[in-house]
């Protein structure tokens, strides 16, 4: 335990951003769960069966999307943090620490990180729950005066929301850290190639089965529930598909990024450096793109479904009610990853500067990385939007053109612009800081 705490303290600058992401994810996940159960309890106490059903339906969707986003974003950030330290873990093996001991140390660090994140989420989760209940009341739900006061079971929900994503994100990385040959960890400059583990492979097969199991009845059969049931099946299949694509991010996002950057006609040195940096640091690129791709694809799916279902709307305030906490988790996760790899990017920029590149070239290449990250996320969201529009239109027995015509493109364009502005601004600030760094000092550190 002493070594665990010492390593966390020595790497505090890296673990801080991961810890922030874990705290926000735990608070939003636990807060959503608390809000749903609080609303259900208040409605049951008032004997309002209709409001009980409405609270379960709305709260269940919010909990599902928020927890899924938090687990995905926090897990990927934790995985990147441990991957960035692979050379330090190899040094431990060289110094004689047994590999099994290295694995147990790293997993203990994840538990400590998750417990600390869950502890900080305990006072924050009721605040999130209170904000969620206020949103639901504003949308017209009569929650009979439900308030998110503190209860003992909130501690357990917050602890699980903090520990589970951290362990999921680092379990496979800690196993690889204990198996990777020491010299390979020191020799490899680029990120190690991603390999699908057994757990990821089994989960991917389950998600694929879910896609087919939902699409086949929803798109190919006449069900008793009519249009609504077919649309619900198509929606579930699309949700499984998005989860599958994000789960297999290294094998989906990386090729997508390579494809569209290869056909861009820009041939400047700064663009070339940005493209090569994104391709070489594949794990960094995927982890940065994933939060924004997740939020954009969820928004597209929600809007398509709301456009097809009778009586539903997909205005910006409706999107924020269901996916507001998803945006919070995703944006914090994306910015945390950008800040997390700042030291690594500083060393890369120093190498380019020593090689003779002008400061302006280094700055533009860093901003171009933000363009590549945002562009990849937007293209991924556009692809999932096209697929969900086609499948849900087929389930609803309507035309794809009608579904696309009914979407609020202003909101989608605004979200794409915010994604681009967020990544570029964050990297521009980082580039400004790097430009003031002495290259020789950066390479020595």
Protein backbone atom coordinates (compact mmCIF):
# COMPACT_ATOMS: atom_id res chain seq x y z
CA UNK A 1 0.00 0.00 0.00
CA UNK A 2 2.92 2.30 0.67
CA UNK A 3 4.20 1.83 -2.87
CA UNK A 4 0.69 2.42 -4.25
CA UNK A 5 0.31 5.76 -2.48
CA UNK A 6 3.86 6.79 -3.39
CA UNK A 7 3.28 6.04 -7.07
CA UNK A 8 0.00 7.97 -7.10
CA UNK A 9 1.71 10.92 -5.41
CA UNK A 10 4.62 10.86 -7.87
CA UNK A 11 2.22 10.71 -10.82
CA UNK A 12 -0.29 13.16 -9.36
CA UNK A 13 -0.14 15.43 -12.41
CA UNK A 14 -1.39 12.56 -14.58
CA UNK A 15 -3.82 10.99 -12.12
CA UNK A 16 -5.41 14.35 -11.29
CA UNK A 17 -7.22 14.63 -14.62
CA UNK A 18 -8.29 11.00 -14.54
CA UNK A 19 -9.51 11.50 -10.98
CA UNK A 20 -11.51 14.58 -12.02
CA UNK A 21 -13.15 12.59 -14.81
CA UNK A 22 -13.95 9.74 -12.38
CA UNK A 23 -15.49 12.14 -9.84
CA UNK A 24 -17.71 13.81 -12.44
CA UNK A 25 -18.74 10.45 -13.90
CA UNK A 26 -19.57 9.02 -10.46
CA UNK A 27 -21.50 12.11 -9.40
CA UNK A 28 -23.59 12.22 -12.58
CA UNK A 29 -24.27 8.46 -12.56
CA UNK A 30 -25.17 8.29 -8.88
CA UNK A 31 -27.18 11.52 -9.10
CA UNK A 32 -29.26 10.17 -11.97
CA UNK A 33 -30.01 6.98 -10.03
CA UNK A 34 -30.92 8.96 -6.91
CA UNK A 35 -33.21 11.26 -8.91
CA UNK A 36 -35.10 8.35 -10.46
CA UNK A 37 -35.65 6.49 -7.17
CA UNK A 38 -36.58 9.71 -5.36
CA UNK A 39 -39.20 10.57 -7.99
CA UNK A 40 -40.60 7.03 -7.97
CA UNK A 41 -40.77 6.94 -4.16
CA UNK A 42 -42.56 10.30 -3.96
CA UNK A 43 -45.07 9.30 -6.65
CA UNK A 44 -45.80 5.98 -4.93
CA UNK A 45 -46.27 7.70 -1.60
CA UNK A 46 -48.81 10.04 -3.29
CA UNK A 47 -50.56 7.08 -4.93
CA UNK A 48 -49.98 8.46 -8.43
CA UNK A 49 -49.50 5.36 -10.58
CA UNK A 50 -49.27 7.37 -13.79
CA UNK A 51 -46.41 9.47 -12.45
CA UNK A 52 -44.66 6.35 -11.17
CA UNK A 53 -44.63 4.98 -14.72
CA UNK A 54 -43.50 8.32 -16.14
CA UNK A 55 -40.67 8.60 -13.59
CA UNK A 56 -39.48 5.08 -14.34
CA UNK A 57 -39.61 5.66 -18.10
CA UNK A 58 -37.87 9.04 -18.10
CA UNK A 59 -35.50 8.28 -15.23
CA UNK A 60 -34.58 4.89 -16.65
CA UNK A 61 -33.55 6.40 -19.97
CA UNK A 62 -31.51 9.12 -18.27
CA UNK A 63 -29.81 6.62 -15.97
CA UNK A 64 -29.03 4.29 -18.85
CA UNK A 65 -27.48 6.94 -21.10
CA UNK A 66 -25.61 8.65 -18.25
CA UNK A 67 -24.18 5.47 -16.73
CA UNK A 68 -23.19 4.17 -20.14
CA UNK A 69 -21.42 7.43 -20.97
CA UNK A 70 -19.69 7.59 -17.59
CA UNK A 71 -18.44 4.02 -17.77
CA UNK A 72 -17.17 4.43 -21.32
CA UNK A 73 -15.48 7.80 -20.81
CA UNK A 74 -13.94 7.08 -17.40
CA UNK A 75 -12.79 3.60 -18.43
CA UNK A 76 -11.08 4.87 -21.57
CA UNK A 77 -9.39 7.71 -19.65
CA UNK A 78 -8.11 5.30 -16.99
CA UNK A 79 -6.81 2.96 -19.69
CA UNK A 80 -4.95 5.79 -21.41
CA UNK A 81 -3.40 6.94 -18.13
CA UNK A 82 -2.00 3.49 -17.42
CA UNK A 83 -0.87 3.00 -21.02
CA UNK A 84 1.07 6.29 -20.84
CA UNK A 85 3.00 4.88 -17.86
CA UNK A 86 4.00 1.60 -19.50
CA UNK A 87 7.71 2.48 -19.48
CA UNK A 88 7.62 3.12 -15.72
CA UNK A 89 5.95 -0.25 -15.21
CA UNK A 90 8.65 -1.89 -17.34
CA UNK A 91 11.27 -0.23 -15.14
CA UNK A 92 9.66 -1.81 -12.10
CA UNK A 93 10.10 -5.24 -13.71
CA UNK A 94 13.75 -4.47 -14.49
CA UNK A 95 14.30 -3.51 -10.84
CA UNK A 96 13.06 -6.95 -9.78
CA UNK A 97 9.43 -6.44 -8.82
CA UNK A 98 7.50 -9.63 -9.74
CA UNK A 99 5.01 -9.22 -12.56
CA UNK A 100 2.12 -10.46 -10.44
CA UNK A 101 3.05 -7.84 -7.88
CA UNK A 102 3.02 -5.12 -10.55
CA UNK A 103 -0.47 -6.15 -11.60
CA UNK A 104 -1.77 -6.16 -8.02
CA UNK A 105 -0.18 -2.74 -7.31
CA UNK A 106 -1.80 -1.17 -10.37
CA UNK A 107 -5.20 -2.65 -9.60
CA UNK A 108 -4.96 -1.45 -6.02
CA UNK A 109 -4.26 2.03 -7.39
CA UNK A 110 -7.45 1.78 -9.44
CA UNK A 111 -9.46 0.78 -6.37
CA UNK A 112 -7.99 3.69 -4.39
CA UNK A 113 -8.78 6.06 -7.26
CA UNK A 114 -12.35 4.75 -7.56
CA UNK A 115 -13.04 4.84 -3.80
CA UNK A 116 -11.72 8.41 -3.56
CA UNK A 117 -13.83 9.44 -6.57
CA UNK A 118 -16.90 7.78 -5.06
CA UNK A 119 -16.28 9.51 -1.72
CA UNK A 120 -16.14 12.93 -3.37
CA UNK A 121 -19.24 12.05 -5.40
CA UNK A 122 -21.29 11.43 -2.22
CA UNK A 123 -21.98 15.15 -1.54
CA UNK A 124 -22.16 15.98 -5.26
CA UNK A 125 -24.67 13.29 -6.28
CA UNK A 126 -27.63 14.83 -4.36
CA UNK A 127 -26.89 18.15 -6.08
CA UNK A 128 -27.04 16.42 -9.47
CA UNK A 129 -30.23 14.65 -8.42
CA UNK A 130 -31.78 17.94 -7.29
CA UNK A 131 -30.94 19.60 -10.60
CA UNK A 132 -32.43 16.64 -12.48
CA UNK A 133 -35.65 16.76 -10.46
CA UNK A 134 -35.95 20.49 -11.16
CA UNK A 135 -35.55 19.78 -14.89
CA UNK A 136 -38.30 17.15 -14.77
CA UNK A 137 -40.63 19.49 -12.89
CA UNK A 138 -39.98 22.24 -15.45
CA UNK A 139 -40.98 19.79 -18.23
CA UNK A 140 -44.39 19.35 -16.57
CA UNK A 141 -43.97 16.27 -14.36
CA UNK A 142 -45.76 16.52 -11.02
CA UNK A 143 -43.24 14.88 -8.67
CA UNK A 144 -45.30 15.67 -5.55
CA UNK A 145 -42.58 17.74 -3.92
CA UNK A 146 -39.82 15.14 -4.28
CA UNK A 147 -36.47 16.35 -2.90
CA UNK A 148 -33.11 14.62 -3.08
CA UNK A 149 -32.16 14.48 0.60
CA UNK A 150 -29.22 12.40 1.76
CA UNK A 151 -29.77 8.72 2.52
CA UNK A 152 -27.32 6.00 3.52
CA UNK A 153 -27.75 4.01 0.31
CA UNK A 154 -26.42 6.99 -1.67
CA UNK A 155 -22.94 6.12 -0.36
CA UNK A 156 -23.09 2.66 -1.91
CA UNK A 157 -24.32 3.97 -5.26
CA UNK A 158 -21.59 6.62 -5.35
CA UNK A 159 -18.88 4.12 -4.41
CA UNK A 160 -19.93 1.69 -7.12
CA UNK A 161 -20.13 4.53 -9.65
CA UNK A 162 -16.53 5.43 -8.81
CA UNK A 163 -14.90 2.00 -8.52
CA UNK A 164 -16.53 0.01 -11.34
CA UNK A 165 -15.52 2.27 -14.29
CA UNK A 166 -11.94 2.53 -13.00
CA UNK A 167 -11.57 -1.24 -12.73
CA UNK A 168 -13.20 -1.84 -16.11
CA UNK A 169 -10.87 0.62 -17.80
CA UNK A 170 -7.68 -0.62 -16.20
CA UNK A 171 -8.21 -4.35 -15.87
CA UNK A 172 -6.88 -5.30 -19.29
CA UNK A 173 -4.13 -2.65 -19.24
CA UNK A 174 -2.78 -3.92 -15.92
CA UNK A 175 -2.73 -7.45 -17.30
CA UNK A 176 -0.75 -6.29 -20.35
CA UNK A 177 1.59 -4.24 -18.16
CA UNK A 178 2.53 -7.41 -16.31
CA UNK A 179 3.12 -9.35 -19.54
CA UNK A 180 4.80 -6.89 -21.92
CA UNK A 181 8.58 -7.51 -22.29
CA UNK A 182 10.56 -4.71 -20.69
CA UNK A 183 12.66 -3.83 -23.73
CA UNK A 184 9.59 -3.60 -25.97
CA UNK A 185 8.02 -1.03 -23.64
CA UNK A 186 11.21 1.09 -23.83
CA UNK A 187 11.75 0.56 -27.56
CA UNK A 188 8.28 1.32 -28.91
CA UNK A 189 7.78 5.01 -29.65
CA UNK A 190 4.24 4.72 -30.96
CA UNK A 191 1.34 3.37 -28.93
CA UNK A 192 1.21 -0.42 -28.77
CA UNK A 193 -1.27 -1.99 -31.20
CA UNK A 194 -4.65 -2.62 -29.66
CA UNK A 195 -5.61 -6.24 -29.17
CA UNK A 196 -9.16 -7.34 -28.37
CA UNK A 197 -9.11 -9.23 -25.09
CA UNK A 198 -11.41 -12.08 -24.18
CA UNK A 199 -13.78 -9.87 -22.17
CA UNK A 200 -14.00 -7.27 -24.95
CA UNK A 201 -14.54 -9.98 -27.54
CA UNK A 202 -17.32 -11.64 -25.57
CA UNK A 203 -19.03 -8.29 -24.93
CA UNK A 204 -18.72 -7.38 -28.61
CA UNK A 205 -20.37 -10.65 -29.62
CA UNK A 206 -23.19 -10.02 -27.12
CA UNK A 207 -23.73 -6.52 -28.52
CA UNK A 208 -23.72 -7.86 -32.08
CA UNK A 209 -26.30 -10.45 -31.07
CA UNK A 210 -28.34 -7.62 -29.56
CA UNK A 211 -28.15 -5.63 -32.81
CA UNK A 212 -29.34 -8.56 -34.90
CA UNK A 213 -31.87 -9.65 -32.29
CA UNK A 214 -33.50 -6.21 -32.28
CA UNK A 215 -33.22 -5.37 -35.98
CA UNK A 216 -34.62 -8.65 -37.33
CA UNK A 217 -38.04 -8.41 -35.64
CA UNK A 218 -38.14 -4.60 -35.78
CA UNK A 219 -37.37 -4.32 -39.49
CA UNK A 220 -38.61 -7.58 -40.91
CA UNK A 221 -41.80 -8.58 -39.13
CA UNK A 222 -45.26 -7.23 -38.44
CA UNK A 223 -45.47 -7.10 -34.64
CA UNK A 224 -48.58 -6.93 -32.47
CA UNK A 225 -47.56 -3.57 -31.07
CA UNK A 226 -47.55 -2.02 -34.52
CA UNK A 227 -45.38 0.93 -35.44
CA UNK A 228 -44.40 1.82 -31.89
CA UNK A 229 -43.11 -1.67 -31.11
CA UNK A 230 -41.19 -1.96 -34.39
CA UNK A 231 -39.65 1.46 -33.83
CA UNK A 232 -38.67 0.50 -30.28
CA UNK A 233 -36.95 -2.64 -31.58
CA UNK A 234 -35.09 -0.61 -34.23
CA UNK A 235 -34.09 1.95 -31.59
CA UNK A 236 -32.72 -0.77 -29.31
CA UNK A 237 -30.76 -2.29 -32.19
CA UNK A 238 -29.26 1.11 -33.05
CA UNK A 239 -28.30 1.66 -29.42
CA UNK A 240 -26.55 -1.72 -29.33
CA UNK A 241 -24.79 -0.82 -32.58
CA UNK A 242 -23.47 2.50 -31.23
CA UNK A 243 -22.22 0.74 -28.09
CA UNK A 244 -20.55 -1.91 -30.26
CA UNK A 245 -18.80 0.67 -32.44
CA UNK A 246 -17.57 2.62 -29.43
CA UNK A 247 -16.43 -0.54 -27.67
CA UNK A 248 -14.38 -1.44 -30.74
CA UNK A 249 -13.06 2.14 -30.96
CA UNK A 250 -9.45 1.24 -31.85
CA UNK A 251 -10.71 -0.77 -34.82
CA UNK A 252 -13.41 1.74 -35.88
CA UNK A 253 -12.32 5.25 -34.94
CA UNK A 254 -8.68 4.82 -35.98
CA UNK A 255 -9.46 3.61 -39.56
CA UNK A 256 -12.11 6.33 -39.88
CA UNK A 257 -9.58 8.97 -38.85
CA UNK A 258 -6.97 7.58 -41.26
CA UNK A 259 -9.47 7.52 -44.13
CA UNK A 260 -10.79 11.06 -43.97
CA UNK A 261 -7.44 12.68 -43.19
CA UNK A 262 -5.92 10.89 -46.19
CA UNK A 263 -8.40 12.47 -48.63
CA UNK A 264 -8.03 16.03 -47.29
CA UNK A 265 -6.18 18.04 -49.97
CA UNK A 266 -4.04 20.00 -47.45
CA UNK A 267 -0.34 19.30 -47.90
CA UNK A 268 1.28 21.76 -45.47
CA UNK A 269 3.93 20.72 -42.99
CA UNK A 270 1.71 21.56 -40.00
CA UNK A 271 -1.14 19.38 -41.30
CA UNK A 272 1.28 16.53 -42.04
CA UNK A 273 2.70 16.71 -38.50
CA UNK A 274 -0.80 16.72 -36.99
CA UNK A 275 -1.92 13.71 -39.03
CA UNK A 276 1.19 11.71 -38.18
CA UNK A 277 0.89 12.62 -34.50
CA UNK A 278 -2.72 11.42 -34.40
CA UNK A 279 -1.86 8.20 -36.20
CA UNK A 280 1.25 7.45 -34.14
CA UNK A 281 -0.45 8.14 -30.83
CA UNK A 282 -3.48 6.04 -31.71
CA UNK A 283 -4.55 5.34 -28.12
CA UNK A 284 -4.45 9.07 -27.35
CA UNK A 285 -6.49 9.87 -30.45
CA UNK A 286 -9.17 7.25 -29.81
CA UNK A 287 -9.57 8.26 -26.17
CA UNK A 288 -9.88 11.93 -27.13
CA UNK A 289 -12.43 11.29 -29.88
CA UNK A 290 -14.55 8.78 -27.96
CA UNK A 291 -16.34 11.16 -25.52
CA UNK A 292 -17.37 13.57 -28.28
CA UNK A 293 -18.35 10.75 -30.65
CA UNK A 294 -20.44 9.17 -27.91
CA UNK A 295 -22.39 12.34 -27.14
CA UNK A 296 -22.98 13.23 -30.81
CA UNK A 297 -24.18 9.72 -31.70
CA UNK A 298 -26.52 9.62 -28.70
CA UNK A 299 -27.98 13.00 -29.66
CA UNK A 300 -28.57 11.82 -33.22
CA UNK A 301 -30.27 8.63 -32.03
CA UNK A 302 -32.48 10.54 -29.59
CA UNK A 303 -33.51 13.10 -32.21
CA UNK A 304 -34.37 10.49 -34.82
CA UNK A 305 -36.47 8.54 -32.32
CA UNK A 306 -38.26 11.67 -31.10
CA UNK A 307 -38.94 12.69 -34.69
CA UNK A 308 -40.63 9.38 -35.50
CA UNK A 309 -42.61 8.70 -32.34
CA UNK A 310 -46.00 10.47 -32.29
CA UNK A 311 -46.28 13.32 -29.81
CA UNK A 312 -42.53 13.51 -29.17
CA UNK A 313 -40.26 16.51 -29.64
CA UNK A 314 -36.50 16.89 -29.99
CA UNK A 315 -35.87 20.52 -29.13
CA UNK A 316 -32.64 21.49 -27.44
CA UNK A 317 -34.23 21.62 -23.97
CA UNK A 318 -35.66 18.11 -24.47
CA UNK A 319 -32.20 16.85 -25.48
CA UNK A 320 -30.67 18.43 -22.38
CA UNK A 321 -33.22 16.78 -20.08
CA UNK A 322 -32.32 13.29 -21.27
CA UNK A 323 -28.68 13.77 -22.31
CA UNK A 324 -27.57 16.77 -20.24
CA UNK A 325 -25.41 14.70 -17.87
CA UNK A 326 -24.02 12.79 -20.85
CA UNK A 327 -22.73 16.10 -22.20
CA UNK A 328 -21.17 16.97 -18.84
CA UNK A 329 -19.37 13.64 -18.54
CA UNK A 330 -18.29 13.61 -22.19
CA UNK A 331 -16.96 17.16 -22.31
CA UNK A 332 -15.12 16.82 -19.00
CA UNK A 333 -13.68 13.51 -20.20
CA UNK A 334 -12.56 14.95 -23.52
CA UNK A 335 -10.88 17.96 -21.91
CA UNK A 336 -9.32 15.74 -19.26
CA UNK A 337 -7.70 13.57 -21.92
CA UNK A 338 -6.34 16.63 -23.76
CA UNK A 339 -4.84 17.94 -20.52
CA UNK A 340 -3.67 14.47 -19.46
CA UNK A 341 -1.39 14.00 -22.44
CA UNK A 342 -0.09 17.59 -22.32
CA UNK A 343 3.36 16.52 -21.12
CA UNK A 344 3.61 13.90 -23.85
CA UNK A 345 2.58 16.47 -26.46
CA UNK A 346 5.14 18.93 -25.06
CA UNK A 347 7.95 16.44 -25.62
CA UNK A 348 6.71 15.72 -29.16
CA UNK A 349 6.63 19.45 -29.93
CA UNK A 350 10.12 19.86 -28.47
CA UNK A 351 11.46 17.13 -30.76
CA UNK A 352 9.93 18.83 -33.79
CA UNK A 353 11.33 22.19 -32.68
CA UNK A 354 14.84 20.76 -32.23
CA UNK A 355 14.52 19.21 -35.70
CA UNK A 356 14.16 22.74 -37.11
CA UNK A 357 10.43 23.46 -37.24
CA UNK A 358 9.30 27.02 -36.68
CA UNK A 359 7.19 27.81 -33.60
CA UNK A 360 4.24 28.76 -35.81
CA UNK A 361 4.32 25.34 -37.48
CA UNK A 362 4.25 23.57 -34.12
CA UNK A 363 1.33 25.71 -32.94
CA UNK A 364 -0.69 25.17 -36.11
CA UNK A 365 -0.05 21.42 -36.03
CA UNK A 366 -1.34 21.25 -32.44
CA UNK A 367 -4.53 23.12 -33.39
CA UNK A 368 -4.91 20.87 -36.44
CA UNK A 369 -4.94 17.91 -34.06
CA UNK A 370 -8.04 19.43 -32.49
CA UNK A 371 -9.58 19.71 -35.96
CA UNK A 372 -8.81 16.03 -36.61
CA UNK A 373 -10.30 14.92 -33.29
CA UNK A 374 -13.47 16.98 -33.78
CA UNK A 375 -13.78 16.00 -37.45
CA UNK A 376 -13.52 12.31 -36.60
CA UNK A 377 -16.18 12.64 -33.89
CA UNK A 378 -18.52 14.56 -36.22
CA UNK A 379 -18.07 12.05 -39.06
CA UNK A 380 -18.71 9.19 -36.64
CA UNK A 381 -21.85 10.94 -35.44
CA UNK A 382 -22.97 11.55 -39.03
CA UNK A 383 -22.49 7.86 -39.86
CA UNK A 384 -24.51 6.68 -36.86
CA UNK A 385 -27.17 9.29 -37.65
CA UNK A 386 -27.51 7.92 -41.18
CA UNK A 387 -27.76 4.32 -39.94
CA UNK A 388 -30.27 5.13 -37.20
CA UNK A 389 -32.38 7.20 -39.59
CA UNK A 390 -32.53 4.35 -42.11
CA UNK A 391 -33.32 1.63 -39.58
CA UNK A 392 -35.85 3.57 -37.51
CA UNK A 393 -37.54 4.78 -40.70
CA UNK A 394 -37.78 1.17 -41.83
CA UNK A 395 -39.25 0.16 -38.48
CA UNK A 396 -41.76 3.00 -38.58
CA UNK A 397 -42.61 2.23 -42.22
CA UNK A 398 -41.80 5.74 -43.36
CA UNK A 399 -39.26 7.29 -45.70
CA UNK A 400 -35.72 8.18 -44.68
CA UNK A 401 -36.11 11.58 -46.37
CA UNK A 402 -39.07 12.41 -44.14
CA UNK A 403 -37.12 11.42 -41.02
CA UNK A 404 -34.09 13.48 -42.02
CA UNK A 405 -36.25 16.44 -43.01
CA UNK A 406 -37.81 16.54 -39.56
CA UNK A 407 -34.51 16.70 -37.66
CA UNK A 408 -33.42 19.93 -35.98
CA UNK A 409 -30.29 20.48 -38.02
CA UNK A 410 -29.57 23.75 -36.26
CA UNK A 411 -29.04 21.90 -32.99
CA UNK A 412 -26.89 19.25 -34.66
CA UNK A 413 -24.80 21.92 -36.37
CA UNK A 414 -24.43 23.79 -33.09
CA UNK A 415 -23.18 20.66 -31.33
CA UNK A 416 -20.71 19.96 -34.13
CA UNK A 417 -19.45 23.56 -33.91
CA UNK A 418 -19.13 23.35 -30.13
CA UNK A 419 -17.15 20.11 -30.48
CA UNK A 420 -14.78 21.73 -32.96
CA UNK A 421 -14.42 24.87 -30.87
CA UNK A 422 -13.81 22.92 -27.66
CA UNK A 423 -11.02 20.72 -29.01
CA UNK A 424 -9.32 23.50 -30.97
CA UNK A 425 -9.48 25.99 -28.10
CA UNK A 426 -8.16 23.47 -25.58
CA UNK A 427 -5.26 22.53 -27.85
CA UNK A 428 -4.58 26.16 -28.78
CA UNK A 429 -4.15 26.99 -25.09
CA UNK A 430 -1.87 23.99 -24.74
CA UNK A 431 0.11 25.10 -27.82
CA UNK A 432 0.53 28.59 -26.34
CA UNK A 433 1.98 27.07 -23.18
CA UNK A 434 4.27 24.78 -25.16
CA UNK A 435 5.57 27.71 -27.21
CA UNK A 436 6.96 29.23 -23.99
CA UNK A 437 8.77 26.02 -23.04
CA UNK A 438 12.49 25.62 -23.70
CA UNK A 439 12.89 22.57 -25.97
CA UNK A 440 16.04 21.27 -24.27
CA UNK A 441 14.42 21.47 -20.84
CA UNK A 442 11.32 19.66 -22.09
CA UNK A 443 13.43 16.81 -23.50
CA UNK A 444 15.41 16.47 -20.27
CA UNK A 445 12.33 16.32 -18.02
